[in-house]
Amino acid sequence: MAILKHIASKNANYGSAIDYLKYQHDEFHLVPVLDENGNMMLRDEFYLEGLNCDPETFDLECELLNQEYNKNNTYDEIKSHHYIISFDPRDGPDNGLTVDRAQALGEQFCKEHFPGHQALVCTHPDGHNHSGNIHVHIVINSLRIEEVPFLPYMDRPADTKVGCKHRCTDAALRYFKSEVMEMCHREGLYQIDLLN
């Protein structure tokens, strides 16, 4: 059963998102795992791509866009949105889900639902606390870099405009969950009703 989780972040350090995706972390304390020399250690396996940005310079590109539109300057502003699609651990052995296939599904989901945003799409094979489930992280800058068409989850004209911010309303999250369910149904993956 795939699930979708959303985290809104007020952290102005976009680099910390890159570090979390690329480097091993202690999931209980949410701190990087360090080697004997005090250096962060890369995760054993991950796929990382950028949408409307280079994944290696995501932090700098987000900061430059924020400066251009004078947004995301204050502590209380949401700087980024982190969506996590976690697939059922049985999808690998039973349904042929691989890390690269999950990454492709995540990239497609991001392009369809978060166009116009700088985004990172990263897939890990190990699951939370080594549960074995493949999961895809989608991290977007809350600020939009280009104008987009009016999408089904949007409810006001500003939601399409460049320089305006993404809002994850209750209705939007419900829509995203229904889209995850549809994706899993289409791909022959395990799924439960995320809406009830």
N, C-alpha and C. Protein backbone atom coordinates (compact mmCIF):
# COMPACT_ATOMS: atom_id res chain seq x y z
N MET A 1 0.83 -1.17 0.00
CA MET A 1 0.00 0.00 0.00
C MET A 1 0.87 1.24 0.00
N ALA A 2 0.77 2.06 -0.99
CA ALA A 2 1.51 3.31 -1.03
C ALA A 2 0.82 4.33 -0.14
N ILE A 3 1.61 5.13 0.53
CA ILE A 3 1.06 6.23 1.31
C ILE A 3 1.73 7.52 0.87
N LEU A 4 1.08 8.64 1.14
CA LEU A 4 1.63 9.95 0.81
C LEU A 4 1.69 10.78 2.08
N LYS A 5 2.86 11.34 2.33
CA LYS A 5 3.06 12.20 3.50
C LYS A 5 3.50 13.58 3.03
N HIS A 6 3.06 14.63 3.73
CA HIS A 6 3.44 16.00 3.38
C HIS A 6 4.05 16.68 4.61
N ILE A 7 5.18 17.36 4.38
CA ILE A 7 5.83 18.14 5.43
C ILE A 7 6.09 19.54 4.87
N ALA A 8 5.57 20.56 5.54
CA ALA A 8 5.85 21.95 5.18
C ALA A 8 7.02 22.42 6.04
N SER A 9 8.04 22.97 5.42
CA SER A 9 9.24 23.36 6.15
C SER A 9 9.45 24.87 6.12
N LYS A 10 9.78 25.41 7.29
CA LYS A 10 10.13 26.83 7.39
C LYS A 10 11.64 27.03 7.46
N ASN A 11 12.39 25.95 7.26
CA ASN A 11 13.84 26.00 7.31
C ASN A 11 14.37 26.73 6.07
N ALA A 12 15.10 27.80 6.28
CA ALA A 12 15.64 28.59 5.17
C ALA A 12 16.88 27.95 4.54
N ASN A 13 17.41 26.90 5.16
CA ASN A 13 18.60 26.23 4.63
C ASN A 13 18.16 25.12 3.68
N TYR A 14 18.05 25.45 2.40
CA TYR A 14 17.65 24.45 1.41
C TYR A 14 18.69 23.34 1.27
N GLY A 15 19.93 23.64 1.62
CA GLY A 15 20.99 22.64 1.55
C GLY A 15 20.74 21.48 2.49
N SER A 16 20.02 21.71 3.58
CA SER A 16 19.75 20.62 4.52
C SER A 16 18.85 19.57 3.87
N ALA A 17 17.99 19.98 2.94
CA ALA A 17 17.15 19.01 2.22
C ALA A 17 18.02 18.12 1.34
N ILE A 18 18.99 18.73 0.65
CA ILE A 18 19.90 17.96 -0.19
C ILE A 18 20.69 16.97 0.67
N ASP A 19 21.19 17.46 1.81
CA ASP A 19 21.97 16.59 2.70
C ASP A 19 21.14 15.40 3.17
N TYR A 20 19.89 15.65 3.53
CA TYR A 20 19.04 14.55 4.01
C TYR A 20 18.84 13.51 2.91
N LEU A 21 18.64 13.97 1.69
CA LEU A 21 18.37 13.04 0.59
C LEU A 21 19.61 12.23 0.20
N LYS A 22 20.79 12.84 0.26
CA LYS A 22 22.00 12.19 -0.24
C LYS A 22 22.78 11.42 0.82
N TYR A 23 22.70 11.85 2.08
CA TYR A 23 23.57 11.30 3.11
C TYR A 23 22.79 10.49 4.15
N GLN A 24 23.47 9.51 4.74
CA GLN A 24 22.86 8.67 5.76
C GLN A 24 22.47 9.51 6.98
N HIS A 25 21.30 9.20 7.53
CA HIS A 25 20.81 9.90 8.72
C HIS A 25 20.32 8.91 9.76
N ASP A 26 20.48 9.29 11.01
CA ASP A 26 19.87 8.57 12.12
C ASP A 26 18.41 8.99 12.14
N GLU A 27 17.51 8.10 11.75
CA GLU A 27 16.10 8.46 11.60
C GLU A 27 15.42 8.75 12.93
N PHE A 28 15.97 8.26 14.04
CA PHE A 28 15.37 8.53 15.35
C PHE A 28 15.66 9.96 15.81
N HIS A 29 16.89 10.43 15.52
CA HIS A 29 17.29 11.75 15.99
C HIS A 29 17.39 12.78 14.86
N LEU A 30 17.20 12.31 13.61
CA LEU A 30 17.25 13.18 12.42
C LEU A 30 18.55 13.96 12.31
N VAL A 31 19.65 13.26 12.58
CA VAL A 31 20.98 13.87 12.43
C VAL A 31 21.80 13.00 11.49
N PRO A 32 22.76 13.60 10.77
CA PRO A 32 23.59 12.82 9.86
C PRO A 32 24.43 11.79 10.61
N VAL A 33 24.67 10.66 9.95
CA VAL A 33 25.58 9.65 10.47
C VAL A 33 26.98 10.02 9.97
N LEU A 34 27.94 10.08 10.88
CA LEU A 34 29.29 10.52 10.53
C LEU A 34 30.27 9.35 10.56
N ASP A 35 31.30 9.44 9.71
CA ASP A 35 32.35 8.42 9.73
C ASP A 35 33.36 8.76 10.83
N GLU A 36 34.43 7.98 10.92
CA GLU A 36 35.42 8.17 11.99
C GLU A 36 36.13 9.52 11.91
N ASN A 37 36.08 10.17 10.72
CA ASN A 37 36.70 11.49 10.56
C ASN A 37 35.71 12.64 10.72
N GLY A 38 34.47 12.30 11.07
CA GLY A 38 33.46 13.35 11.27
C GLY A 38 32.79 13.81 9.99
N ASN A 39 32.95 13.05 8.90
CA ASN A 39 32.32 13.42 7.63
C ASN A 39 31.00 12.67 7.43
N MET A 40 30.05 13.34 6.79
CA MET A 40 28.81 12.68 6.46
C MET A 40 29.08 11.58 5.43
N MET A 41 28.29 10.51 5.49
CA MET A 41 28.48 9.37 4.60
C MET A 41 27.31 9.29 3.63
N LEU A 42 27.66 9.12 2.34
CA LEU A 42 26.61 8.99 1.33
C LEU A 42 25.74 7.77 1.62
N ARG A 43 24.47 7.87 1.26
CA ARG A 43 23.58 6.71 1.35
C ARG A 43 24.10 5.64 0.39
N ASP A 44 23.82 4.39 0.70
CA ASP A 44 24.31 3.28 -0.12
C ASP A 44 23.74 3.33 -1.53
N GLU A 45 22.47 3.74 -1.66
CA GLU A 45 21.83 3.80 -2.98
C GLU A 45 20.77 4.89 -2.97
N PHE A 46 20.79 5.72 -3.99
CA PHE A 46 19.74 6.71 -4.16
C PHE A 46 19.77 7.21 -5.60
N TYR A 47 18.63 7.66 -6.07
CA TYR A 47 18.51 8.30 -7.38
C TYR A 47 18.09 9.73 -7.12
N LEU A 48 18.72 10.71 -7.78
CA LEU A 48 18.41 12.11 -7.53
C LEU A 48 18.35 12.87 -8.85
N GLU A 49 17.24 13.54 -9.09
CA GLU A 49 17.07 14.38 -10.28
C GLU A 49 16.45 15.71 -9.87
N GLY A 50 16.65 16.72 -10.70
CA GLY A 50 16.06 18.03 -10.46
C GLY A 50 15.06 18.39 -11.54
N LEU A 51 14.03 19.11 -11.16
CA LEU A 51 13.06 19.68 -12.09
C LEU A 51 13.18 21.19 -12.00
N ASN A 52 13.44 21.82 -13.13
CA ASN A 52 13.63 23.28 -13.19
C ASN A 52 14.82 23.74 -12.36
N CYS A 53 15.77 22.83 -12.14
CA CYS A 53 16.99 23.18 -11.41
C CYS A 53 18.00 22.05 -11.57
N ASP A 54 19.25 22.37 -11.26
CA ASP A 54 20.29 21.35 -11.16
C ASP A 54 20.23 20.84 -9.72
N PRO A 55 20.11 19.53 -9.51
CA PRO A 55 19.98 19.05 -8.13
C PRO A 55 21.16 19.41 -7.23
N GLU A 56 22.33 19.57 -7.81
CA GLU A 56 23.51 19.90 -6.99
C GLU A 56 23.53 21.37 -6.56
N THR A 57 22.75 22.22 -7.25
CA THR A 57 22.72 23.65 -6.87
C THR A 57 21.30 24.10 -6.52
N PHE A 58 20.45 23.14 -6.14
CA PHE A 58 19.07 23.43 -5.77
C PHE A 58 18.99 24.53 -4.72
N ASP A 59 19.83 24.44 -3.69
CA ASP A 59 19.78 25.42 -2.60
C ASP A 59 20.06 26.84 -3.11
N LEU A 60 21.11 27.00 -3.88
CA LEU A 60 21.47 28.32 -4.40
C LEU A 60 20.40 28.86 -5.34
N GLU A 61 19.88 28.01 -6.22
CA GLU A 61 18.86 28.44 -7.17
C GLU A 61 17.58 28.88 -6.45
N CYS A 62 17.21 28.17 -5.40
CA CYS A 62 16.03 28.56 -4.62
C CYS A 62 16.25 29.90 -3.94
N GLU A 63 17.42 30.08 -3.35
CA GLU A 63 17.73 31.33 -2.67
C GLU A 63 17.72 32.51 -3.64
N LEU A 64 18.25 32.32 -4.85
CA LEU A 64 18.25 33.39 -5.85
C LEU A 64 16.83 33.75 -6.29
N LEU A 65 15.98 32.74 -6.47
CA LEU A 65 14.59 33.02 -6.84
C LEU A 65 13.87 33.76 -5.72
N ASN A 66 14.10 33.35 -4.49
CA ASN A 66 13.49 34.04 -3.35
C ASN A 66 13.91 35.50 -3.30
N GLN A 67 15.19 35.77 -3.57
CA GLN A 67 15.69 37.15 -3.59
C GLN A 67 15.03 37.96 -4.71
N GLU A 68 14.89 37.31 -5.87
CA GLU A 68 14.30 38.00 -7.02
C GLU A 68 12.89 38.49 -6.72
N TYR A 69 12.11 37.70 -6.00
CA TYR A 69 10.72 38.07 -5.71
C TYR A 69 10.52 38.55 -4.27
N ASN A 70 11.62 38.67 -3.53
CA ASN A 70 11.57 39.15 -2.14
C ASN A 70 10.57 38.34 -1.32
N LYS A 71 10.70 37.02 -1.43
CA LYS A 71 9.81 36.11 -0.70
C LYS A 71 10.66 35.16 0.14
N ASN A 72 10.01 34.47 1.07
CA ASN A 72 10.65 33.50 1.95
C ASN A 72 11.78 34.12 2.77
N ASN A 73 11.53 35.36 3.22
CA ASN A 73 12.54 36.08 4.00
C ASN A 73 12.35 35.95 5.50
N THR A 74 11.11 35.68 5.92
CA THR A 74 10.83 35.71 7.35
C THR A 74 10.74 34.29 7.91
N TYR A 75 10.89 34.21 9.23
CA TYR A 75 10.92 32.92 9.91
C TYR A 75 9.63 32.14 9.69
N ASP A 76 8.49 32.83 9.69
CA ASP A 76 7.20 32.13 9.67
C ASP A 76 6.74 31.71 8.28
N GLU A 77 7.49 32.01 7.23
CA GLU A 77 7.09 31.62 5.88
C GLU A 77 7.51 30.17 5.59
N ILE A 78 6.63 29.45 4.90
CA ILE A 78 6.96 28.10 4.46
C ILE A 78 7.91 28.20 3.28
N LYS A 79 9.11 27.66 3.43
CA LYS A 79 10.14 27.79 2.39
C LYS A 79 10.08 26.65 1.38
N SER A 80 9.70 25.46 1.85
CA SER A 80 9.66 24.31 0.95
C SER A 80 8.57 23.34 1.40
N HIS A 81 8.20 22.49 0.47
CA HIS A 81 7.23 21.42 0.74
C HIS A 81 7.91 20.10 0.40
N HIS A 82 7.74 19.12 1.29
CA HIS A 82 8.36 17.82 1.13
C HIS A 82 7.24 16.79 1.08
N TYR A 83 7.10 16.14 -0.07
CA TYR A 83 6.11 15.08 -0.24
C TYR A 83 6.86 13.75 -0.32
N ILE A 84 6.36 12.75 0.38
CA ILE A 84 7.00 11.43 0.38
C ILE A 84 5.97 10.39 -0.04
N ILE A 85 6.29 9.67 -1.11
CA ILE A 85 5.46 8.54 -1.55
C ILE A 85 6.19 7.27 -1.13
N SER A 86 5.60 6.54 -0.19
CA SER A 86 6.19 5.29 0.29
C SER A 86 5.40 4.11 -0.26
N PHE A 87 6.08 3.26 -1.00
CA PHE A 87 5.44 2.09 -1.60
C PHE A 87 5.45 0.92 -0.63
N ASP A 88 4.53 -0.01 -0.83
CA ASP A 88 4.43 -1.21 -0.03
C ASP A 88 5.70 -2.05 -0.20
N PRO A 89 6.29 -2.59 0.89
CA PRO A 89 7.49 -3.41 0.76
C PRO A 89 7.29 -4.62 -0.16
N ARG A 90 6.05 -5.08 -0.30
CA ARG A 90 5.78 -6.24 -1.16
C ARG A 90 5.80 -5.89 -2.64
N ASP A 91 5.79 -4.59 -2.98
CA ASP A 91 5.74 -4.21 -4.39
C ASP A 91 6.99 -4.62 -5.15
N GLY A 92 8.13 -4.72 -4.47
CA GLY A 92 9.34 -5.19 -5.13
C GLY A 92 9.22 -6.64 -5.55
N PRO A 93 9.10 -7.56 -4.59
CA PRO A 93 9.06 -8.98 -4.97
C PRO A 93 7.79 -9.38 -5.72
N ASP A 94 6.65 -8.80 -5.37
CA ASP A 94 5.38 -9.24 -5.96
C ASP A 94 5.05 -8.54 -7.28
N ASN A 95 5.42 -7.27 -7.40
CA ASN A 95 4.97 -6.48 -8.55
C ASN A 95 6.09 -5.89 -9.38
N GLY A 96 7.33 -6.28 -9.08
CA GLY A 96 8.46 -5.85 -9.91
C GLY A 96 8.87 -4.41 -9.75
N LEU A 97 8.50 -3.76 -8.64
CA LEU A 97 8.90 -2.37 -8.45
C LEU A 97 10.38 -2.31 -8.13
N THR A 98 11.12 -1.54 -8.93
CA THR A 98 12.55 -1.32 -8.71
C THR A 98 12.76 0.13 -8.32
N VAL A 99 13.94 0.45 -7.83
CA VAL A 99 14.24 1.82 -7.42
C VAL A 99 14.16 2.76 -8.61
N ASP A 100 14.70 2.33 -9.77
CA ASP A 100 14.67 3.23 -10.93
C ASP A 100 13.25 3.41 -11.48
N ARG A 101 12.42 2.38 -11.38
CA ARG A 101 11.02 2.52 -11.80
C ARG A 101 10.28 3.48 -10.86
N ALA A 102 10.52 3.34 -9.54
CA ALA A 102 9.90 4.25 -8.57
C ALA A 102 10.36 5.69 -8.81
N GLN A 103 11.64 5.86 -9.15
CA GLN A 103 12.16 7.20 -9.44
C GLN A 103 11.43 7.78 -10.64
N ALA A 104 11.24 6.99 -11.69
CA ALA A 104 10.53 7.47 -12.89
C ALA A 104 9.09 7.85 -12.55
N LEU A 105 8.43 7.06 -11.70
CA LEU A 105 7.07 7.40 -11.27
C LEU A 105 7.05 8.70 -10.48
N GLY A 106 8.06 8.87 -9.61
CA GLY A 106 8.16 10.10 -8.82
C GLY A 106 8.40 11.33 -9.68
N GLU A 107 9.28 11.18 -10.68
CA GLU A 107 9.55 12.31 -11.57
C GLU A 107 8.30 12.69 -12.36
N GLN A 108 7.56 11.68 -12.83
CA GLN A 108 6.33 11.96 -13.57
C GLN A 108 5.29 12.63 -12.67
N PHE A 109 5.16 12.14 -11.45
CA PHE A 109 4.22 12.73 -10.48
C PHE A 109 4.58 14.20 -10.23
N CYS A 110 5.87 14.46 -10.07
CA CYS A 110 6.33 15.83 -9.82
C CYS A 110 6.03 16.74 -11.01
N LYS A 111 6.33 16.28 -12.21
CA LYS A 111 6.08 17.10 -13.41
C LYS A 111 4.61 17.42 -13.58
N GLU A 112 3.74 16.45 -13.26
CA GLU A 112 2.31 16.65 -13.44
C GLU A 112 1.71 17.54 -12.36
N HIS A 113 2.18 17.43 -11.13
CA HIS A 113 1.51 18.10 -10.03
C HIS A 113 2.23 19.33 -9.48
N PHE A 114 3.53 19.45 -9.76
CA PHE A 114 4.28 20.60 -9.26
C PHE A 114 5.06 21.29 -10.39
N PRO A 115 4.45 21.47 -11.56
CA PRO A 115 5.17 22.17 -12.63
C PRO A 115 5.41 23.62 -12.20
N GLY A 116 6.44 24.22 -12.73
CA GLY A 116 6.71 25.61 -12.38
C GLY A 116 7.46 25.79 -11.08
N HIS A 117 7.83 24.70 -10.42
CA HIS A 117 8.60 24.79 -9.17
C HIS A 117 9.97 24.17 -9.37
N GLN A 118 10.97 24.72 -8.68
CA GLN A 118 12.24 24.04 -8.57
C GLN A 118 12.01 22.86 -7.65
N ALA A 119 12.42 21.67 -8.08
CA ALA A 119 12.11 20.48 -7.30
C ALA A 119 13.23 19.47 -7.35
N LEU A 120 13.37 18.73 -6.27
CA LEU A 120 14.24 17.56 -6.20
C LEU A 120 13.36 16.33 -6.12
N VAL A 121 13.72 15.30 -6.87
CA VAL A 121 13.04 14.02 -6.79
C VAL A 121 14.12 13.00 -6.47
N CYS A 122 13.98 12.34 -5.32
CA CYS A 122 15.01 11.40 -4.86
C CYS A 122 14.35 10.13 -4.35
N THR A 123 14.86 8.98 -4.79
CA THR A 123 14.30 7.70 -4.39
C THR A 123 15.33 6.91 -3.59
N HIS A 124 14.86 6.36 -2.46
CA HIS A 124 15.67 5.50 -1.60
C HIS A 124 15.05 4.10 -1.57
N PRO A 125 15.87 3.07 -1.50
CA PRO A 125 15.35 1.71 -1.50
C PRO A 125 15.13 1.10 -0.12
N ASP A 126 15.58 1.78 0.94
CA ASP A 126 15.70 1.10 2.23
C ASP A 126 14.55 1.33 3.18
N GLY A 127 13.70 2.29 2.95
CA GLY A 127 12.58 2.54 3.85
C GLY A 127 13.01 3.16 5.16
N HIS A 128 12.02 3.67 5.90
CA HIS A 128 12.28 4.26 7.21
C HIS A 128 12.72 3.17 8.17
N ASN A 129 13.84 3.38 8.83
CA ASN A 129 14.39 2.39 9.77
C ASN A 129 14.55 1.02 9.13
N HIS A 130 14.95 1.01 7.85
CA HIS A 130 15.24 -0.21 7.11
C HIS A 130 14.03 -1.14 7.00
N SER A 131 12.85 -0.55 6.78
CA SER A 131 11.63 -1.34 6.64
C SER A 131 11.57 -2.06 5.29
N GLY A 132 12.43 -1.65 4.35
CA GLY A 132 12.50 -2.34 3.08
C GLY A 132 11.60 -1.78 2.00
N ASN A 133 10.86 -0.73 2.31
CA ASN A 133 10.00 -0.19 1.27
C ASN A 133 10.71 0.91 0.47
N ILE A 134 10.50 0.89 -0.83
CA ILE A 134 11.03 1.95 -1.70
C ILE A 134 10.18 3.19 -1.48
N HIS A 135 10.83 4.34 -1.38
CA HIS A 135 10.07 5.57 -1.20
C HIS A 135 10.72 6.71 -1.97
N VAL A 136 9.85 7.60 -2.45
CA VAL A 136 10.27 8.73 -3.28
C VAL A 136 10.03 10.03 -2.52
N HIS A 137 11.07 10.85 -2.45
CA HIS A 137 10.96 12.18 -1.85
C HIS A 137 10.83 13.21 -2.98
N ILE A 138 9.88 14.11 -2.83
CA ILE A 138 9.75 15.24 -3.75
C ILE A 138 9.82 16.50 -2.89
N VAL A 139 10.87 17.30 -3.07
CA VAL A 139 11.04 18.53 -2.32
C VAL A 139 10.95 19.69 -3.30
N ILE A 140 10.01 20.60 -3.04
CA ILE A 140 9.85 21.75 -3.94
C ILE A 140 10.08 23.05 -3.18
N ASN A 141 10.68 24.01 -3.88
CA ASN A 141 10.72 25.37 -3.35
C ASN A 141 9.28 25.86 -3.34
N SER A 142 8.85 26.46 -2.26
CA SER A 142 7.45 26.91 -2.18
C SER A 142 7.14 27.96 -3.24
N LEU A 143 8.16 28.68 -3.69
CA LEU A 143 7.96 29.76 -4.67
C LEU A 143 7.98 29.20 -6.10
N ARG A 144 7.10 29.70 -6.92
CA ARG A 144 6.98 29.20 -8.30
C ARG A 144 7.93 29.98 -9.21
N ILE A 145 8.67 29.26 -10.05
CA ILE A 145 9.66 29.88 -10.94
C ILE A 145 9.07 30.25 -12.29
N GLU A 146 7.94 29.65 -12.65
CA GLU A 146 7.29 29.98 -13.93
C GLU A 146 5.79 29.80 -13.82
N GLU A 147 5.06 30.48 -14.66
CA GLU A 147 3.61 30.38 -14.66
C GLU A 147 3.18 29.01 -15.17
N VAL A 148 2.10 28.52 -14.61
CA VAL A 148 1.59 27.19 -14.98
C VAL A 148 0.10 27.28 -15.27
N PRO A 149 -0.45 26.28 -15.96
CA PRO A 149 -1.90 26.26 -16.16
C PRO A 149 -2.62 25.99 -14.84
N PHE A 150 -3.89 26.32 -14.79
CA PHE A 150 -4.70 26.07 -13.60
C PHE A 150 -4.90 24.57 -13.44
N LEU A 151 -4.42 24.01 -12.32
CA LEU A 151 -4.47 22.57 -12.08
C LEU A 151 -5.65 22.22 -11.18
N PRO A 152 -6.10 20.96 -11.22
CA PRO A 152 -7.31 20.57 -10.49
C PRO A 152 -7.30 20.89 -8.99
N TYR A 153 -6.14 20.88 -8.35
CA TYR A 153 -6.11 21.12 -6.90
C TYR A 153 -6.04 22.60 -6.54
N MET A 154 -5.91 23.46 -7.51
CA MET A 154 -5.79 24.90 -7.24
C MET A 154 -7.17 25.52 -7.04
N ASP A 155 -7.21 26.58 -6.21
CA ASP A 155 -8.50 27.21 -5.96
C ASP A 155 -8.48 28.73 -6.08
N ARG A 156 -7.37 29.30 -6.55
CA ARG A 156 -7.34 30.75 -6.77
C ARG A 156 -6.37 31.08 -7.89
N PRO A 157 -6.59 32.17 -8.60
CA PRO A 157 -5.74 32.51 -9.75
C PRO A 157 -4.25 32.64 -9.40
N ALA A 158 -3.93 33.12 -8.20
CA ALA A 158 -2.53 33.29 -7.82
C ALA A 158 -1.77 31.97 -7.78
N ASP A 159 -2.50 30.85 -7.67
CA ASP A 159 -1.85 29.54 -7.60
C ASP A 159 -1.13 29.18 -8.90
N THR A 160 -1.36 29.92 -9.97
CA THR A 160 -0.72 29.63 -11.25
C THR A 160 0.43 30.57 -11.57
N LYS A 161 0.57 31.65 -10.80
CA LYS A 161 1.45 32.75 -11.18
C LYS A 161 2.90 32.54 -10.76
N VAL A 162 3.82 33.01 -11.61
CA VAL A 162 5.23 33.03 -11.27
C VAL A 162 5.42 33.97 -10.09
N GLY A 163 6.32 33.59 -9.17
CA GLY A 163 6.58 34.43 -8.01
C GLY A 163 5.58 34.25 -6.88
N CYS A 164 4.57 33.42 -7.09
CA CYS A 164 3.61 33.11 -6.02
C CYS A 164 3.93 31.74 -5.44
N LYS A 165 3.28 31.42 -4.32
CA LYS A 165 3.69 30.24 -3.57
C LYS A 165 2.70 29.08 -3.67
N HIS A 166 3.26 27.88 -3.57
CA HIS A 166 2.47 26.65 -3.52
C HIS A 166 1.78 26.57 -2.16
N ARG A 167 0.52 26.15 -2.18
CA ARG A 167 -0.22 25.95 -0.94
C ARG A 167 -0.74 24.52 -0.91
N CYS A 168 -0.44 23.82 0.15
CA CYS A 168 -0.98 22.47 0.31
C CYS A 168 -2.19 22.54 1.22
N THR A 169 -3.34 22.80 0.63
CA THR A 169 -4.59 22.84 1.37
C THR A 169 -5.07 21.42 1.64
N ASP A 170 -6.08 21.29 2.47
CA ASP A 170 -6.66 19.97 2.72
C ASP A 170 -7.18 19.36 1.43
N ALA A 171 -7.81 20.21 0.60
CA ALA A 171 -8.35 19.73 -0.68
C ALA A 171 -7.23 19.30 -1.61
N ALA A 172 -6.12 20.04 -1.61
CA ALA A 172 -4.98 19.69 -2.47
C ALA A 172 -4.38 18.36 -2.03
N LEU A 173 -4.20 18.16 -0.72
CA LEU A 173 -3.61 16.91 -0.23
C LEU A 173 -4.54 15.73 -0.54
N ARG A 174 -5.83 15.94 -0.44
CA ARG A 174 -6.79 14.89 -0.79
C ARG A 174 -6.65 14.53 -2.28
N TYR A 175 -6.48 15.56 -3.11
CA TYR A 175 -6.31 15.33 -4.55
C TYR A 175 -5.02 14.56 -4.81
N PHE A 176 -3.92 14.95 -4.16
CA PHE A 176 -2.64 14.26 -4.37
C PHE A 176 -2.75 12.79 -3.94
N LYS A 177 -3.44 12.54 -2.83
CA LYS A 177 -3.61 11.15 -2.38
C LYS A 177 -4.40 10.34 -3.41
N SER A 178 -5.43 10.95 -3.97
CA SER A 178 -6.21 10.23 -4.98
C SER A 178 -5.36 9.95 -6.21
N GLU A 179 -4.45 10.85 -6.55
CA GLU A 179 -3.56 10.65 -7.69
C GLU A 179 -2.54 9.54 -7.42
N VAL A 180 -2.06 9.44 -6.17
CA VAL A 180 -1.16 8.34 -5.80
C VAL A 180 -1.91 7.02 -5.93
N MET A 181 -3.14 6.98 -5.46
CA MET A 181 -3.95 5.77 -5.59
C MET A 181 -4.14 5.38 -7.05
N GLU A 182 -4.43 6.36 -7.89
CA GLU A 182 -4.62 6.10 -9.32
C GLU A 182 -3.33 5.60 -9.96
N MET A 183 -2.20 6.21 -9.59
CA MET A 183 -0.90 5.79 -10.13
C MET A 183 -0.63 4.33 -9.76
N CYS A 184 -0.88 3.96 -8.52
CA CYS A 184 -0.62 2.58 -8.08
C CYS A 184 -1.56 1.61 -8.78
N HIS A 185 -2.80 1.99 -8.94
CA HIS A 185 -3.76 1.14 -9.66
C HIS A 185 -3.28 0.92 -11.10
N ARG A 186 -2.87 2.02 -11.75
CA ARG A 186 -2.42 1.95 -13.15
C ARG A 186 -1.16 1.09 -13.29
N GLU A 187 -0.28 1.16 -12.31
CA GLU A 187 1.00 0.45 -12.37
C GLU A 187 0.94 -0.96 -11.79
N GLY A 188 -0.22 -1.37 -11.29
CA GLY A 188 -0.36 -2.71 -10.73
C GLY A 188 0.34 -2.88 -9.40
N LEU A 189 0.36 -1.82 -8.58
CA LEU A 189 1.01 -1.85 -7.27
C LEU A 189 -0.03 -1.94 -6.17
N TYR A 190 0.39 -2.40 -5.00
CA TYR A 190 -0.52 -2.50 -3.87
C TYR A 190 -1.01 -1.11 -3.46
N GLN A 191 -2.28 -1.03 -3.08
CA GLN A 191 -2.82 0.26 -2.70
C GLN A 191 -4.02 0.07 -1.77
N ILE A 192 -4.17 1.00 -0.84
CA ILE A 192 -5.36 1.06 0.01
C ILE A 192 -6.03 2.41 -0.23
N ASP A 193 -7.21 2.58 0.32
CA ASP A 193 -7.94 3.83 0.20
C ASP A 193 -7.30 4.86 1.14
N LEU A 194 -6.62 5.84 0.58
CA LEU A 194 -5.96 6.87 1.38
C LEU A 194 -6.91 7.97 1.79
N LEU A 195 -8.12 7.97 1.27
CA LEU A 195 -9.04 9.08 1.50
C LEU A 195 -9.97 8.84 2.69
N ASN A 196 -10.02 7.61 3.19
CA ASN A 196 -10.90 7.30 4.32
C ASN A 196 -10.12 6.62 5.44
